[in-house]
Amino acid sequence: MFDDLQKKDIDHDLILAFAYGDRKAAQQLTERLMPKMYAHAYFRLGNIADAEDVTQEAFFTIMAISSKMETREGASFHLALSCSE
């Protein structure tokens, strides 16, 4: 349970840093979440190419809107990502 809380704190910090334009945080967040997002997309779509496309598009969308996020919206973003686990 402590590990889960620690991971959520790390994700929260990464999301906030990412929202404020930290490229290293973006890379770390991508490395942490991309495999989960891909697995979820593949499970839903059943096709490797489609799952890769959806995952990549999702991250492009996240990066495009990240500069517009505020701290409060970052928390909502974190909640949305947590629901996909």
PDB file of N, CA and C in Angstrom:
ATOM      1  N   MET A   1       0.820  -1.187   0.000  1.00  0.00           N
ATOM      2  CA  MET A   1       0.000   0.000   0.000  1.00  0.00           C
ATOM      3  C   MET A   1       0.867   1.255   0.000  1.00  0.00           C
ATOM      4  N   PHE A   2       1.945   1.271   0.782  1.00  0.00           N
ATOM      5  CA  PHE A   2       2.837   2.422   0.813  1.00  0.00           C
ATOM      6  C   PHE A   2       3.435   2.676  -0.561  1.00  0.00           C
ATOM      7  N   ASP A   3       3.765   1.596  -1.277  1.00  0.00           N
ATOM      8  CA  ASP A   3       4.313   1.745  -2.626  1.00  0.00           C
ATOM      9  C   ASP A   3       3.311   2.420  -3.560  1.00  0.00           C
ATOM     10  N   ASP A   4       2.026   2.067  -3.428  1.00  0.00           N
ATOM     11  CA  ASP A   4       0.996   2.687  -4.260  1.00  0.00           C
ATOM     12  C   ASP A   4       0.902   4.185  -4.002  1.00  0.00           C
ATOM     13  N   LEU A   5       0.952   4.577  -2.735  1.00  0.00           N
ATOM     14  CA  LEU A   5       0.907   6.002  -2.397  1.00  0.00           C
ATOM     15  C   LEU A   5       2.127   6.726  -2.923  1.00  0.00           C
ATOM     16  N   GLN A   6       3.272   6.092  -2.803  1.00  0.00           N
ATOM     17  CA  GLN A   6       4.511   6.699  -3.289  1.00  0.00           C
ATOM     18  C   GLN A   6       4.462   6.874  -4.814  1.00  0.00           C
ATOM     19  N   LYS A   7       3.958   5.879  -5.529  1.00  0.00           N
ATOM     20  CA  LYS A   7       3.836   5.969  -6.982  1.00  0.00           C
ATOM     21  C   LYS A   7       2.884   7.089  -7.380  1.00  0.00           C
ATOM     22  N   LYS A   8       1.780   7.248  -6.647  1.00  0.00           N
ATOM     23  CA  LYS A   8       0.821   8.308  -6.954  1.00  0.00           C
ATOM     24  C   LYS A   8       1.448   9.677  -6.726  1.00  0.00           C
ATOM     25  N   ASP A   9       2.258   9.817  -5.663  1.00  0.00           N
ATOM     26  CA  ASP A   9       2.946  11.084  -5.419  1.00  0.00           C
ATOM     27  C   ASP A   9       3.918  11.393  -6.549  1.00  0.00           C
ATOM     28  N   ILE A  10       4.653  10.384  -7.001  1.00  0.00           N
ATOM     29  CA  ILE A  10       5.591  10.572  -8.104  1.00  0.00           C
ATOM     30  C   ILE A  10       4.837  10.965  -9.372  1.00  0.00           C
ATOM     31  N   ASP A  11       3.746  10.260  -9.669  1.00  0.00           N
ATOM     32  CA  ASP A  11       2.945  10.589 -10.850  1.00  0.00           C
ATOM     33  C   ASP A  11       2.412  12.010 -10.755  1.00  0.00           C
ATOM     34  N   HIS A  12       1.914  12.391  -9.593  1.00  0.00           N
ATOM     35  CA  HIS A  12       1.376  13.733  -9.409  1.00  0.00           C
ATOM     36  C   HIS A  12       2.452  14.783  -9.676  1.00  0.00           C
ATOM     37  N   ASP A  13       3.628  14.593  -9.101  1.00  0.00           N
ATOM     38  CA  ASP A  13       4.727  15.533  -9.305  1.00  0.00           C
ATOM     39  C   ASP A  13       5.135  15.602 -10.775  1.00  0.00           C
ATOM     40  N   LEU A  14       5.195  14.452 -11.424  1.00  0.00           N
ATOM     41  CA  LEU A  14       5.546  14.419 -12.844  1.00  0.00           C
ATOM     42  C   LEU A  14       4.499  15.135 -13.692  1.00  0.00           C
ATOM     43  N   ILE A  15       3.238  14.924 -13.379  1.00  0.00           N
ATOM     44  CA  ILE A  15       2.164  15.557 -14.136  1.00  0.00           C
ATOM     45  C   ILE A  15       2.219  17.073 -13.991  1.00  0.00           C
ATOM     46  N   LEU A  16       2.432  17.538 -12.772  1.00  0.00           N
ATOM     47  CA  LEU A  16       2.527  18.982 -12.579  1.00  0.00           C
ATOM     48  C   LEU A  16       3.723  19.562 -13.320  1.00  0.00           C
ATOM     49  N   ALA A  17       4.863  18.895 -13.216  1.00  0.00           N
ATOM     50  CA  ALA A  17       6.056  19.373 -13.922  1.00  0.00           C
ATOM     51  C   ALA A  17       5.839  19.350 -15.431  1.00  0.00           C
ATOM     52  N   PHE A  18       5.213  18.296 -15.907  1.00  0.00           N
ATOM     53  CA  PHE A  18       4.898  18.158 -17.326  1.00  0.00           C
ATOM     54  C   PHE A  18       3.973  19.291 -17.781  1.00  0.00           C
ATOM     55  N   ALA A  19       2.977  19.594 -16.967  1.00  0.00           N
ATOM     56  CA  ALA A  19       2.025  20.653 -17.297  1.00  0.00           C
ATOM     57  C   ALA A  19       2.701  22.012 -17.405  1.00  0.00           C
ATOM     58  N   TYR A  20       3.804  22.168 -16.693  1.00  0.00           N
ATOM     59  CA  TYR A  20       4.543  23.429 -16.741  1.00  0.00           C
ATOM     60  C   TYR A  20       5.719  23.381 -17.711  1.00  0.00           C
ATOM     61  N   GLY A  21       5.747  22.380 -18.576  1.00  0.00           N
ATOM     62  CA  GLY A  21       6.717  22.352 -19.665  1.00  0.00           C
ATOM     63  C   GLY A  21       8.025  21.648 -19.405  1.00  0.00           C
ATOM     64  N   ASP A  22       8.134  20.888 -18.341  1.00  0.00           N
ATOM     65  CA  ASP A  22       9.377  20.171 -18.024  1.00  0.00           C
ATOM     66  C   ASP A  22       9.516  18.971 -18.961  1.00  0.00           C
ATOM     67  N   ARG A  23      10.503  19.040 -19.850  1.00  0.00           N
ATOM     68  CA  ARG A  23      10.675  17.978 -20.849  1.00  0.00           C
ATOM     69  C   ARG A  23      11.119  16.657 -20.223  1.00  0.00           C
ATOM     70  N   LYS A  24      11.926  16.726 -19.182  1.00  0.00           N
ATOM     71  CA  LYS A  24      12.365  15.493 -18.518  1.00  0.00           C
ATOM     72  C   LYS A  24      11.167  14.799 -17.861  1.00  0.00           C
ATOM     73  N   ALA A  25      10.294  15.587 -17.260  1.00  0.00           N
ATOM     74  CA  ALA A  25       9.086  15.017 -16.653  1.00  0.00           C
ATOM     75  C   ALA A  25       8.212  14.379 -17.726  1.00  0.00           C
ATOM     76  N   ALA A  26       8.123  15.026 -18.889  1.00  0.00           N
ATOM     77  CA  ALA A  26       7.342  14.467 -19.994  1.00  0.00           C
ATOM     78  C   ALA A  26       7.901  13.109 -20.403  1.00  0.00           C
ATOM     79  N   GLN A  27       9.208  13.016 -20.479  1.00  0.00           N
ATOM     80  CA  GLN A  27       9.839  11.750 -20.857  1.00  0.00           C
ATOM     81  C   GLN A  27       9.578  10.676 -19.799  1.00  0.00           C
ATOM     82  N   GLN A  28       9.743  11.036 -18.530  1.00  0.00           N
ATOM     83  CA  GLN A  28       9.520  10.065 -17.458  1.00  0.00           C
ATOM     84  C   GLN A  28       8.060   9.625 -17.402  1.00  0.00           C
ATOM     85  N   LEU A  29       7.164  10.572 -17.584  1.00  0.00           N
ATOM     86  CA  LEU A  29       5.743  10.247 -17.572  1.00  0.00           C
ATOM     87  C   LEU A  29       5.397   9.318 -18.728  1.00  0.00           C
ATOM     88  N   THR A  30       5.966   9.599 -19.870  1.00  0.00           N
ATOM     89  CA  THR A  30       5.743   8.744 -21.036  1.00  0.00           C
ATOM     90  C   THR A  30       6.246   7.330 -20.771  1.00  0.00           C
ATOM     91  N   GLU A  31       7.436   7.211 -20.212  1.00  0.00           N
ATOM     92  CA  GLU A  31       8.010   5.887 -19.919  1.00  0.00           C
ATOM     93  C   GLU A  31       7.179   5.131 -18.887  1.00  0.00           C
ATOM     94  N   ARG A  32       6.587   5.841 -17.939  1.00  0.00           N
ATOM     95  CA  ARG A  32       5.791   5.187 -16.896  1.00  0.00           C
ATOM     96  C   ARG A  32       4.403   4.781 -17.400  1.00  0.00           C
ATOM     97  N   LEU A  33       3.799   5.636 -18.242  1.00  0.00           N
ATOM     98  CA  LEU A  33       2.400   5.421 -18.591  1.00  0.00           C
ATOM     99  C   LEU A  33       2.161   4.798 -19.958  1.00  0.00           C
ATOM    100  N   MET A  34       3.079   4.983 -20.884  1.00  0.00           N
ATOM    101  CA  MET A  34       2.881   4.477 -22.251  1.00  0.00           C
ATOM    102  C   MET A  34       2.591   2.974 -22.270  1.00  0.00           C
ATOM    103  N   PRO A  35       3.350   2.158 -21.549  1.00  0.00           N
ATOM    104  CA  PRO A  35       3.046   0.715 -21.587  1.00  0.00           C
ATOM    105  C   PRO A  35       1.634   0.378 -21.083  1.00  0.00           C
ATOM    106  N   LYS A  36       1.186   1.082 -20.042  1.00  0.00           N
ATOM    107  CA  LYS A  36      -0.163   0.825 -19.515  1.00  0.00           C
ATOM    108  C   LYS A  36      -1.223   1.255 -20.526  1.00  0.00           C
ATOM    109  N   MET A  37      -1.000   2.414 -21.120  1.00  0.00           N
ATOM    110  CA  MET A  37      -1.969   2.905 -22.100  1.00  0.00           C
ATOM    111  C   MET A  37      -2.018   1.993 -23.320  1.00  0.00           C
ATOM    112  N   TYR A  38      -0.852   1.541 -23.770  1.00  0.00           N
ATOM    113  CA  TYR A  38      -0.801   0.635 -24.917  1.00  0.00           C
ATOM    114  C   TYR A  38      -1.531  -0.677 -24.590  1.00  0.00           C
ATOM    115  N   ALA A  39      -1.247  -1.223 -23.414  1.00  0.00           N
ATOM    116  CA  ALA A  39      -1.884  -2.490 -23.028  1.00  0.00           C
ATOM    117  C   ALA A  39      -3.407  -2.343 -22.995  1.00  0.00           C
ATOM    118  N   HIS A  40      -3.865  -1.231 -22.467  1.00  0.00           N
ATOM    119  CA  HIS A  40      -5.303  -0.986 -22.412  1.00  0.00           C
ATOM    120  C   HIS A  40      -5.884  -0.852 -23.828  1.00  0.00           C
ATOM    121  N   ALA A  41      -5.196  -0.111 -24.676  1.00  0.00           N
ATOM    122  CA  ALA A  41      -5.668   0.071 -26.057  1.00  0.00           C
ATOM    123  C   ALA A  41      -5.683  -1.267 -26.801  1.00  0.00           C
ATOM    124  N   TYR A  42      -4.641  -2.062 -26.623  1.00  0.00           N
ATOM    125  CA  TYR A  42      -4.581  -3.358 -27.299  1.00  0.00           C
ATOM    126  C   TYR A  42      -5.701  -4.287 -26.809  1.00  0.00           C
ATOM    127  N   PHE A  43      -5.936  -4.274 -25.495  1.00  0.00           N
ATOM    128  CA  PHE A  43      -7.002  -5.096 -24.925  1.00  0.00           C
ATOM    129  C   PHE A  43      -8.351  -4.722 -25.536  1.00  0.00           C
ATOM    130  N   ARG A  44      -8.579  -3.402 -25.693  1.00  0.00           N
ATOM    131  CA  ARG A  44      -9.852  -2.927 -26.222  1.00  0.00           C
ATOM    132  C   ARG A  44      -9.982  -3.127 -27.727  1.00  0.00           C
ATOM    133  N   LEU A  45      -8.864  -2.917 -28.453  1.00  0.00           N
ATOM    134  CA  LEU A  45      -8.931  -2.930 -29.914  1.00  0.00           C
ATOM    135  C   LEU A  45      -8.551  -4.267 -30.530  1.00  0.00           C
ATOM    136  N   GLY A  46      -7.676  -5.024 -29.842  1.00  0.00           N
ATOM    137  CA  GLY A  46      -7.275  -6.334 -30.340  1.00  0.00           C
ATOM    138  C   GLY A  46      -6.385  -6.299 -31.573  1.00  0.00           C
ATOM    139  N   ASN A  47      -5.790  -5.146 -31.836  1.00  0.00           N
ATOM    140  CA  ASN A  47      -4.960  -4.995 -33.030  1.00  0.00           C
ATOM    141  C   ASN A  47      -3.733  -4.160 -32.661  1.00  0.00           C
ATOM    142  N   ILE A  48      -2.540  -4.684 -32.949  1.00  0.00           N
ATOM    143  CA  ILE A  48      -1.301  -4.009 -32.568  1.00  0.00           C
ATOM    144  C   ILE A  48      -1.188  -2.623 -33.196  1.00  0.00           C
ATOM    145  N   ALA A  49      -1.393  -2.538 -34.500  1.00  0.00           N
ATOM    146  CA  ALA A  49      -1.226  -1.255 -35.197  1.00  0.00           C
ATOM    147  C   ALA A  49      -2.209  -0.204 -34.678  1.00  0.00           C
ATOM    148  N   ASP A  50      -3.460  -0.598 -34.474  1.00  0.00           N
ATOM    149  CA  ASP A  50      -4.458   0.343 -33.965  1.00  0.00           C
ATOM    150  C   ASP A  50      -4.121   0.783 -32.538  1.00  0.00           C
ATOM    151  N   ALA A  51      -3.672  -0.154 -31.727  1.00  0.00           N
ATOM    152  CA  ALA A  51      -3.305   0.173 -30.344  1.00  0.00           C
ATOM    153  C   ALA A  51      -2.127   1.144 -30.316  1.00  0.00           C
ATOM    154  N   GLU A  52      -1.151   0.930 -31.186  1.00  0.00           N
ATOM    155  CA  GLU A  52      -0.010   1.845 -31.265  1.00  0.00           C
ATOM    156  C   GLU A  52      -0.468   3.232 -31.699  1.00  0.00           C
ATOM    157  N   ASP A  53      -1.335   3.297 -32.695  1.00  0.00           N
ATOM    158  CA  ASP A  53      -1.840   4.579 -33.193  1.00  0.00           C
ATOM    159  C   ASP A  53      -2.608   5.339 -32.119  1.00  0.00           C
ATOM    160  N   VAL A  54      -3.497   4.652 -31.433  1.00  0.00           N
ATOM    161  CA  VAL A  54      -4.310   5.287 -30.399  1.00  0.00           C
ATOM    162  C   VAL A  54      -3.426   5.781 -29.253  1.00  0.00           C
ATOM    163  N   THR A  55      -2.475   4.973 -28.850  1.00  0.00           N
ATOM    164  CA  THR A  55      -1.578   5.361 -27.761  1.00  0.00           C
ATOM    165  C   THR A  55      -0.757   6.581 -28.142  1.00  0.00           C
ATOM    166  N   GLN A  56      -0.204   6.567 -29.334  1.00  0.00           N
ATOM    167  CA  GLN A  56       0.594   7.693 -29.796  1.00  0.00           C
ATOM    168  C   GLN A  56      -0.270   8.958 -29.908  1.00  0.00           C
ATOM    169  N   GLU A  57      -1.445   8.830 -30.451  1.00  0.00           N
ATOM    170  CA  GLU A  57      -2.343   9.984 -30.596  1.00  0.00           C
ATOM    171  C   GLU A  57      -2.728  10.546 -29.229  1.00  0.00           C
ATOM    172  N   ALA A  58      -2.958   9.675 -28.280  1.00  0.00           N
ATOM    173  CA  ALA A  58      -3.302  10.134 -26.927  1.00  0.00           C
ATOM    174  C   ALA A  58      -2.167  10.965 -26.338  1.00  0.00           C
ATOM    175  N   PHE A  59      -0.941  10.511 -26.501  1.00  0.00           N
ATOM    176  CA  PHE A  59       0.186  11.273 -25.966  1.00  0.00           C
ATOM    177  C   PHE A  59       0.411  12.570 -26.719  1.00  0.00           C
ATOM    178  N   PHE A  60       0.193  12.579 -28.020  1.00  0.00           N
ATOM    179  CA  PHE A  60       0.290  13.835 -28.773  1.00  0.00           C
ATOM    180  C   PHE A  60      -0.742  14.836 -28.270  1.00  0.00           C
ATOM    181  N   THR A  61      -1.948  14.350 -28.013  1.00  0.00           N
ATOM    182  CA  THR A  61      -3.006  15.217 -27.507  1.00  0.00           C
ATOM    183  C   THR A  61      -2.640  15.762 -26.130  1.00  0.00           C
ATOM    184  N   ILE A  62      -2.146  14.894 -25.267  1.00  0.00           N
ATOM    185  CA  ILE A  62      -1.740  15.317 -23.927  1.00  0.00           C
ATOM    186  C   ILE A  62      -0.650  16.382 -24.014  1.00  0.00           C
ATOM    187  N   MET A  63       0.327  16.172 -24.862  1.00  0.00           N
ATOM    188  CA  MET A  63       1.406  17.146 -24.997  1.00  0.00           C
ATOM    189  C   MET A  63       0.900  18.470 -25.562  1.00  0.00           C
ATOM    190  N   ALA A  64      -0.054  18.397 -26.466  1.00  0.00           N
ATOM    191  CA  ALA A  64      -0.593  19.617 -27.072  1.00  0.00           C
ATOM    192  C   ALA A  64      -1.346  20.467 -26.059  1.00  0.00           C
ATOM    193  N   ILE A  65      -2.029  19.834 -25.121  1.00  0.00           N
ATOM    194  CA  ILE A  65      -2.802  20.602 -24.149  1.00  0.00           C
ATOM    195  C   ILE A  65      -2.059  20.855 -22.845  1.00  0.00           C
ATOM    196  N   SER A  66      -0.906  20.241 -22.665  1.00  0.00           N
ATOM    197  CA  SER A  66      -0.211  20.337 -21.378  1.00  0.00           C
ATOM    198  C   SER A  66       0.126  21.766 -20.992  1.00  0.00           C
ATOM    199  N   SER A  67       0.457  22.604 -21.947  1.00  0.00           N
ATOM    200  CA  SER A  67       0.818  23.982 -21.621  1.00  0.00           C
ATOM    201  C   SER A  67      -0.379  24.802 -21.151  1.00  0.00           C
ATOM    202  N   LYS A  68      -1.585  24.306 -21.408  1.00  0.00           N
ATOM    203  CA  LYS A  68      -2.794  25.019 -21.016  1.00  0.00           C
ATOM    204  C   LYS A  68      -3.321  24.570 -19.657  1.00  0.00           C
ATOM    205  N   MET A  69      -2.712  23.537 -19.091  1.00  0.00           N
ATOM    206  CA  MET A  69      -3.188  22.987 -17.827  1.00  0.00           C
ATOM    207  C   MET A  69      -2.796  23.891 -16.667  1.00  0.00           C
ATOM    208  N   GLU A  70      -3.657  23.939 -15.682  1.00  0.00           N
ATOM    209  CA  GLU A  70      -3.345  24.589 -14.423  1.00  0.00           C
ATOM    210  C   GLU A  70      -3.231  23.487 -13.386  1.00  0.00           C
ATOM    211  N   THR A  71      -2.777  23.842 -12.195  1.00  0.00           N
ATOM    212  CA  THR A  71      -2.594  22.845 -11.139  1.00  0.00           C
ATOM    213  C   THR A  71      -3.877  22.063 -10.892  1.00  0.00           C
ATOM    214  N   ARG A  72      -4.992  22.746 -10.797  1.00  0.00           N
ATOM    215  CA  ARG A  72      -6.261  22.060 -10.539  1.00  0.00           C
ATOM    216  C   ARG A  72      -6.589  21.111 -11.674  1.00  0.00           C
ATOM    217  N   GLU A  73      -6.350  21.535 -12.914  1.00  0.00           N
ATOM    218  CA  GLU A  73      -6.620  20.670 -14.055  1.00  0.00           C
ATOM    219  C   GLU A  73      -5.638  19.507 -14.081  1.00  0.00           C
ATOM    220  N   GLY A  74      -4.423  19.742 -13.603  1.00  0.00           N
ATOM    221  CA  GLY A  74      -3.447  18.669 -13.515  1.00  0.00           C
ATOM    222  C   GLY A  74      -3.938  17.550 -12.620  1.00  0.00           C
ATOM    223  N   ALA A  75      -4.616  17.934 -11.548  1.00  0.00           N
ATOM    224  CA  ALA A  75      -5.176  16.922 -10.651  1.00  0.00           C
ATOM    225  C   ALA A  75      -6.247  16.115 -11.373  1.00  0.00           C
ATOM    226  N   SER A  76      -7.072  16.782 -12.185  1.00  0.00           N
ATOM    227  CA  SER A  76      -8.094  16.076 -12.952  1.00  0.00           C
ATOM    228  C   SER A  76      -7.456  15.146 -13.970  1.00  0.00           C
ATOM    229  N   PHE A  77      -6.372  15.619 -14.580  1.00  0.00           N
ATOM    230  CA  PHE A  77      -5.626  14.809 -15.539  1.00  0.00           C
ATOM    231  C   PHE A  77      -5.092  13.558 -14.838  1.00  0.00           C
ATOM    232  N   HIS A  78      -4.561  13.723 -13.637  1.00  0.00           N
ATOM    233  CA  HIS A  78      -4.051  12.590 -12.861  1.00  0.00           C
ATOM    234  C   HIS A  78      -5.166  11.602 -12.570  1.00  0.00           C
ATOM    235  N   LEU A  79      -6.333  12.104 -12.194  1.00  0.00           N
ATOM    236  CA  LEU A  79      -7.475  11.226 -11.922  1.00  0.00           C
ATOM    237  C   LEU A  79      -7.863  10.433 -13.159  1.00  0.00           C
ATOM    238  N   ALA A  80      -7.866  11.097 -14.312  1.00  0.00           N
ATOM    239  CA  ALA A  80      -8.224  10.415 -15.561  1.00  0.00           C
ATOM    240  C   ALA A  80      -7.228   9.310 -15.874  1.00  0.00           C
ATOM    241  N   LEU A  81      -5.947   9.568 -15.672  1.00  0.00           N
ATOM    242  CA  LEU A  81      -4.941   8.541 -15.935  1.00  0.00           C
ATOM    243  C   LEU A  81      -5.040   7.406 -14.926  1.00  0.00           C
ATOM    244  N   SER A  82      -5.343   7.733 -13.689  1.00  0.00           N
ATOM    245  CA  SER A  82      -5.458   6.706 -12.652  1.00  0.00           C
ATOM    246  C   SER A  82      -6.614   5.757 -12.943  1.00  0.00           C
ATOM    247  N   CYS A  83      -7.667   6.271 -13.529  1.00  0.00           N
ATOM    248  CA  CYS A  83      -8.844   5.437 -13.835  1.00  0.00           C
ATOM    249  C   CYS A  83      -8.537   4.401 -14.909  1.00  0.00           C
ATOM    250  N   SER A  84      -7.497   4.644 -15.696  1.00  0.00           N
ATOM    251  CA  SER A  84      -7.184   3.697 -16.766  1.00  0.00           C
ATOM    252  C   SER A  84      -6.345   2.523 -16.264  1.00  0.00           C
ATOM    253  N   GLU A  85      -5.920   2.554 -15.011  1.00  0.00           N
ATOM    254  CA  GLU A  85      -5.080   1.465 -14.469  1.00  0.00           C
ATOM    255  C   GLU A  85      -5.903   0.245 -14.142  1.00  0.00           C
TER     256      GLU A  85
END
